[in-house]
Amino acid sequence: MGRRGAGYGSPDPAAARNRRYVMGNELYFHEADPEARAGVVLDNTDLTDPRVVVAH
């Protein structure tokens, strides 16, 4: 089995292999505006203390 390059499987959004996923997410959030459509928006910045940001 061959070795995979640096950054493979990295959770770091700045890793080169994650660029297409990060750019895809940015496009989705810009085009679809899911926050405006959601019934509830959560802030999970602190996973031990999630907070409701918007509840429609």
PDB file of N, CA and C in Angstrom:
ATOM      1  N   MET A   1       0.845  -1.163   0.000  1.00  0.00           N
ATOM      2  CA  MET A   1       0.000   0.000   0.000  1.00  0.00           C
ATOM      3  C   MET A   1       0.897   1.235   0.000  1.00  0.00           C
ATOM      4  N   GLY A   2       0.616   2.185  -0.880  1.00  0.00           N
ATOM      5  CA  GLY A   2       1.419   3.392  -0.973  1.00  0.00           C
ATOM      6  C   GLY A   2       1.157   4.354   0.170  1.00  0.00           C
ATOM      7  N   ARG A   3       2.129   5.194   0.413  1.00  0.00           N
ATOM      8  CA  ARG A   3       1.981   6.202   1.461  1.00  0.00           C
ATOM      9  C   ARG A   3       1.222   7.395   0.914  1.00  0.00           C
ATOM     10  N   ARG A   4       0.460   8.000   1.749  1.00  0.00           N
ATOM     11  CA  ARG A   4      -0.299   9.179   1.354  1.00  0.00           C
ATOM     12  C   ARG A   4       0.503  10.414   1.724  1.00  0.00           C
ATOM     13  N   GLY A   5       0.277  11.480   0.999  1.00  0.00           N
ATOM     14  CA  GLY A   5       1.039  12.700   1.187  1.00  0.00           C
ATOM     15  C   GLY A   5       0.713  13.445   2.469  1.00  0.00           C
ATOM     16  N   ALA A   6       1.510  14.455   2.730  1.00  0.00           N
ATOM     17  CA  ALA A   6       1.325  15.295   3.910  1.00  0.00           C
ATOM     18  C   ALA A   6      -0.049  15.949   3.870  1.00  0.00           C
ATOM     19  N   GLY A   7      -0.687  16.007   4.993  1.00  0.00           N
ATOM     20  CA  GLY A   7      -1.991  16.648   5.089  1.00  0.00           C
ATOM     21  C   GLY A   7      -3.150  15.716   4.827  1.00  0.00           C
ATOM     22  N   TYR A   8      -2.871  14.465   4.408  1.00  0.00           N
ATOM     23  CA  TYR A   8      -3.965  13.536   4.122  1.00  0.00           C
ATOM     24  C   TYR A   8      -4.726  13.242   5.409  1.00  0.00           C
ATOM     25  N   GLY A   9      -6.022  13.436   5.363  1.00  0.00           N
ATOM     26  CA  GLY A   9      -6.856  13.173   6.531  1.00  0.00           C
ATOM     27  C   GLY A   9      -6.746  14.225   7.617  1.00  0.00           C
ATOM     28  N   SER A  10      -6.091  15.325   7.318  1.00  0.00           N
ATOM     29  CA  SER A  10      -5.899  16.381   8.305  1.00  0.00           C
ATOM     30  C   SER A  10      -7.204  17.126   8.564  1.00  0.00           C
ATOM     31  N   PRO A  11      -7.527  17.397   9.829  1.00  0.00           N
ATOM     32  CA  PRO A  11      -8.710  18.197  10.125  1.00  0.00           C
ATOM     33  C   PRO A  11      -8.471  19.694   9.908  1.00  0.00           C
ATOM     34  N   ASP A  12      -7.232  20.062   9.590  1.00  0.00           N
ATOM     35  CA  ASP A  12      -6.880  21.468   9.391  1.00  0.00           C
ATOM     36  C   ASP A  12      -7.488  21.979   8.091  1.00  0.00           C
ATOM     37  N   PRO A  13      -8.395  22.969   8.154  1.00  0.00           N
ATOM     38  CA  PRO A  13      -9.003  23.479   6.926  1.00  0.00           C
ATOM     39  C   PRO A  13      -7.992  24.130   5.982  1.00  0.00           C
ATOM     40  N   ALA A  14      -6.827  24.521   6.511  1.00  0.00           N
ATOM     41  CA  ALA A  14      -5.810  25.136   5.663  1.00  0.00           C
ATOM     42  C   ALA A  14      -4.963  24.102   4.923  1.00  0.00           C
ATOM     43  N   ALA A  15      -5.137  22.815   5.246  1.00  0.00           N
ATOM     44  CA  ALA A  15      -4.373  21.766   4.563  1.00  0.00           C
ATOM     45  C   ALA A  15      -4.748  21.751   3.087  1.00  0.00           C
ATOM     46  N   ALA A  16      -3.762  21.594   2.229  1.00  0.00           N
ATOM     47  CA  ALA A  16      -3.975  21.647   0.779  1.00  0.00           C
ATOM     48  C   ALA A  16      -5.064  20.680   0.314  1.00  0.00           C
ATOM     49  N   ARG A  17      -5.108  19.499   0.882  1.00  0.00           N
ATOM     50  CA  ARG A  17      -6.105  18.506   0.452  1.00  0.00           C
ATOM     51  C   ARG A  17      -7.530  18.881   0.856  1.00  0.00           C
ATOM     52  N   ASN A  18      -7.686  19.806   1.757  1.00  0.00           N
ATOM     53  CA  ASN A  18      -9.022  20.216   2.198  1.00  0.00           C
ATOM     54  C   ASN A  18      -9.537  21.440   1.463  1.00  0.00           C
ATOM     55  N   ARG A  19      -8.723  22.008   0.596  1.00  0.00           N
ATOM     56  CA  ARG A  19      -9.093  23.250  -0.071  1.00  0.00           C
ATOM     57  C   ARG A  19     -10.422  23.147  -0.808  1.00  0.00           C
ATOM     58  N   ARG A  20     -10.643  22.066  -1.548  1.00  0.00           N
ATOM     59  CA  ARG A  20     -11.884  21.973  -2.323  1.00  0.00           C
ATOM     60  C   ARG A  20     -13.107  21.897  -1.415  1.00  0.00           C
ATOM     61  N   TYR A  21     -12.957  21.274  -0.252  1.00  0.00           N
ATOM     62  CA  TYR A  21     -14.084  21.180   0.672  1.00  0.00           C
ATOM     63  C   TYR A  21     -14.385  22.533   1.313  1.00  0.00           C
ATOM     64  N   VAL A  22     -13.337  23.244   1.690  1.00  0.00           N
ATOM     65  CA  VAL A  22     -13.510  24.564   2.291  1.00  0.00           C
ATOM     66  C   VAL A  22     -14.138  25.507   1.276  1.00  0.00           C
ATOM     67  N   MET A  23     -13.643  25.485   0.053  1.00  0.00           N
ATOM     68  CA  MET A  23     -14.196  26.354  -0.987  1.00  0.00           C
ATOM     69  C   MET A  23     -15.645  25.971  -1.305  1.00  0.00           C
ATOM     70  N   GLY A  24     -15.945  24.674  -1.292  1.00  0.00           N
ATOM     71  CA  GLY A  24     -17.318  24.219  -1.513  1.00  0.00           C
ATOM     72  C   GLY A  24     -18.254  24.716  -0.424  1.00  0.00           C
ATOM     73  N   ASN A  25     -17.791  24.662   0.821  1.00  0.00           N
ATOM     74  CA  ASN A  25     -18.602  25.173   1.930  1.00  0.00           C
ATOM     75  C   ASN A  25     -18.829  26.670   1.806  1.00  0.00           C
ATOM     76  N   GLU A  26     -17.791  27.405   1.446  1.00  0.00           N
ATOM     77  CA  GLU A  26     -17.930  28.851   1.283  1.00  0.00           C
ATOM     78  C   GLU A  26     -18.945  29.175   0.195  1.00  0.00           C
ATOM     79  N   LEU A  27     -18.878  28.458  -0.920  1.00  0.00           N
ATOM     80  CA  LEU A  27     -19.825  28.669  -2.014  1.00  0.00           C
ATOM     81  C   LEU A  27     -21.249  28.363  -1.551  1.00  0.00           C
ATOM     82  N   TYR A  28     -21.429  27.242  -0.866  1.00  0.00           N
ATOM     83  CA  TYR A  28     -22.750  26.854  -0.364  1.00  0.00           C
ATOM     84  C   TYR A  28     -23.322  27.925   0.557  1.00  0.00           C
ATOM     85  N   PHE A  29     -22.542  28.378   1.534  1.00  0.00           N
ATOM     86  CA  PHE A  29     -23.048  29.379   2.466  1.00  0.00           C
ATOM     87  C   PHE A  29     -23.368  30.691   1.758  1.00  0.00           C
ATOM     88  N   HIS A  30     -22.586  31.052   0.755  1.00  0.00           N
ATOM     89  CA  HIS A  30     -22.833  32.285   0.009  1.00  0.00           C
ATOM     90  C   HIS A  30     -24.084  32.172  -0.860  1.00  0.00           C
ATOM     91  N   GLU A  31     -24.216  31.074  -1.591  1.00  0.00           N
ATOM     92  CA  GLU A  31     -25.315  30.913  -2.547  1.00  0.00           C
ATOM     93  C   GLU A  31     -26.639  30.521  -1.890  1.00  0.00           C
ATOM     94  N   ALA A  32     -26.611  29.613  -0.925  1.00  0.00           N
ATOM     95  CA  ALA A  32     -27.849  29.067  -0.367  1.00  0.00           C
ATOM     96  C   ALA A  32     -28.344  29.815   0.875  1.00  0.00           C
ATOM     97  N   ASP A  33     -27.459  30.536   1.548  1.00  0.00           N
ATOM     98  CA  ASP A  33     -27.793  31.263   2.771  1.00  0.00           C
ATOM     99  C   ASP A  33     -28.599  30.397   3.741  1.00  0.00           C
ATOM    100  N   PRO A  34     -28.036  29.254   4.158  1.00  0.00           N
ATOM    101  CA  PRO A  34     -28.794  28.330   5.000  1.00  0.00           C
ATOM    102  C   PRO A  34     -29.191  28.920   6.356  1.00  0.00           C
ATOM    103  N   GLU A  35     -28.422  29.862   6.861  1.00  0.00           N
ATOM    104  CA  GLU A  35     -28.761  30.460   8.155  1.00  0.00           C
ATOM    105  C   GLU A  35     -30.103  31.180   8.092  1.00  0.00           C
ATOM    106  N   ALA A  36     -30.391  31.822   6.960  1.00  0.00           N
ATOM    107  CA  ALA A  36     -31.657  32.538   6.800  1.00  0.00           C
ATOM    108  C   ALA A  36     -32.836  31.578   6.687  1.00  0.00           C
ATOM    109  N   ARG A  37     -32.593  30.353   6.242  1.00  0.00           N
ATOM    110  CA  ARG A  37     -33.662  29.372   6.037  1.00  0.00           C
ATOM    111  C   ARG A  37     -33.885  28.456   7.233  1.00  0.00           C
ATOM    112  N   ALA A  38     -32.907  28.391   8.105  1.00  0.00           N
ATOM    113  CA  ALA A  38     -32.954  27.438   9.220  1.00  0.00           C
ATOM    114  C   ALA A  38     -33.954  27.865  10.285  1.00  0.00           C
ATOM    115  N   GLY A  39     -34.562  26.889  10.920  1.00  0.00           N
ATOM    116  CA  GLY A  39     -35.441  27.170  12.043  1.00  0.00           C
ATOM    117  C   GLY A  39     -34.647  27.483  13.298  1.00  0.00           C
ATOM    118  N   VAL A  40     -33.491  26.861  13.427  1.00  0.00           N
ATOM    119  CA  VAL A  40     -32.609  27.071  14.572  1.00  0.00           C
ATOM    120  C   VAL A  40     -31.170  27.074  14.075  1.00  0.00           C
ATOM    121  N   VAL A  41     -30.374  28.012  14.565  1.00  0.00           N
ATOM    122  CA  VAL A  41     -28.950  28.065  14.245  1.00  0.00           C
ATOM    123  C   VAL A  41     -28.183  27.931  15.556  1.00  0.00           C
ATOM    124  N   LEU A  42     -27.257  26.985  15.578  1.00  0.00           N
ATOM    125  CA  LEU A  42     -26.450  26.751  16.773  1.00  0.00           C
ATOM    126  C   LEU A  42     -25.019  27.216  16.558  1.00  0.00           C
ATOM    127  N   ASP A  43     -24.421  27.742  17.605  1.00  0.00           N
ATOM    128  CA  ASP A  43     -23.002  28.079  17.598  1.00  0.00           C
ATOM    129  C   ASP A  43     -22.285  26.978  18.364  1.00  0.00           C
ATOM    130  N   ASN A  44     -21.529  26.154  17.641  1.00  0.00           N
ATOM    131  CA  ASN A  44     -20.792  25.052  18.252  1.00  0.00           C
ATOM    132  C   ASN A  44     -19.305  25.360  18.381  1.00  0.00           C
ATOM    133  N   THR A  45     -18.956  26.638  18.441  1.00  0.00           N
ATOM    134  CA  THR A  45     -17.556  27.015  18.587  1.00  0.00           C
ATOM    135  C   THR A  45     -16.950  26.338  19.811  1.00  0.00           C
ATOM    136  N   ASP A  46     -17.685  26.338  20.905  1.00  0.00           N
ATOM    137  CA  ASP A  46     -17.273  25.625  22.116  1.00  0.00           C
ATOM    138  C   ASP A  46     -18.158  24.391  22.218  1.00  0.00           C
ATOM    139  N   LEU A  47     -17.610  23.231  21.874  1.00  0.00           N
ATOM    140  CA  LEU A  47     -18.411  22.008  21.823  1.00  0.00           C
ATOM    141  C   LEU A  47     -18.957  21.592  23.186  1.00  0.00           C
ATOM    142  N   THR A  48     -18.378  22.104  24.248  1.00  0.00           N
ATOM    143  CA  THR A  48     -18.895  21.782  25.578  1.00  0.00           C
ATOM    144  C   THR A  48     -20.023  22.721  25.992  1.00  0.00           C
ATOM    145  N   ASP A  49     -20.252  23.773  25.204  1.00  0.00           N
ATOM    146  CA  ASP A  49     -21.286  24.756  25.543  1.00  0.00           C
ATOM    147  C   ASP A  49     -21.944  25.306  24.277  1.00  0.00           C
ATOM    148  N   PRO A  50     -22.693  24.467  23.532  1.00  0.00           N
ATOM    149  CA  PRO A  50     -23.352  24.963  22.321  1.00  0.00           C
ATOM    150  C   PRO A  50     -24.428  25.991  22.679  1.00  0.00           C
ATOM    151  N   ARG A  51     -24.599  26.962  21.815  1.00  0.00           N
ATOM    152  CA  ARG A  51     -25.567  28.031  22.078  1.00  0.00           C
ATOM    153  C   ARG A  51     -26.489  28.219  20.883  1.00  0.00           C
ATOM    154  N   VAL A  52     -27.761  28.529  21.179  1.00  0.00           N
ATOM    155  CA  VAL A  52     -28.719  28.870  20.133  1.00  0.00           C
ATOM    156  C   VAL A  52     -28.456  30.320  19.750  1.00  0.00           C
ATOM    157  N   VAL A  53     -28.177  30.548  18.460  1.00  0.00           N
ATOM    158  CA  VAL A  53     -27.904  31.898  17.969  1.00  0.00           C
ATOM    159  C   VAL A  53     -29.183  32.506  17.419  1.00  0.00           C
ATOM    160  N   VAL A  54     -29.922  31.728  16.636  1.00  0.00           N
ATOM    161  CA  VAL A  54     -31.164  32.191  16.018  1.00  0.00           C
ATOM    162  C   VAL A  54     -32.200  31.089  16.148  1.00  0.00           C
ATOM    163  N   ALA A  55     -33.390  31.441  16.568  1.00  0.00           N
ATOM    164  CA  ALA A  55     -34.513  30.498  16.586  1.00  0.00           C
ATOM    165  C   ALA A  55     -35.700  31.203  15.946  1.00  0.00           C
ATOM    166  N   HIS A  56     -36.138  30.687  14.813  1.00  0.00           N
ATOM    167  CA  HIS A  56     -37.268  31.304  14.085  1.00  0.00           C
ATOM    168  C   HIS A  56     -38.566  30.686  14.525  1.00  0.00           C
TER     169      HIS A  56
END
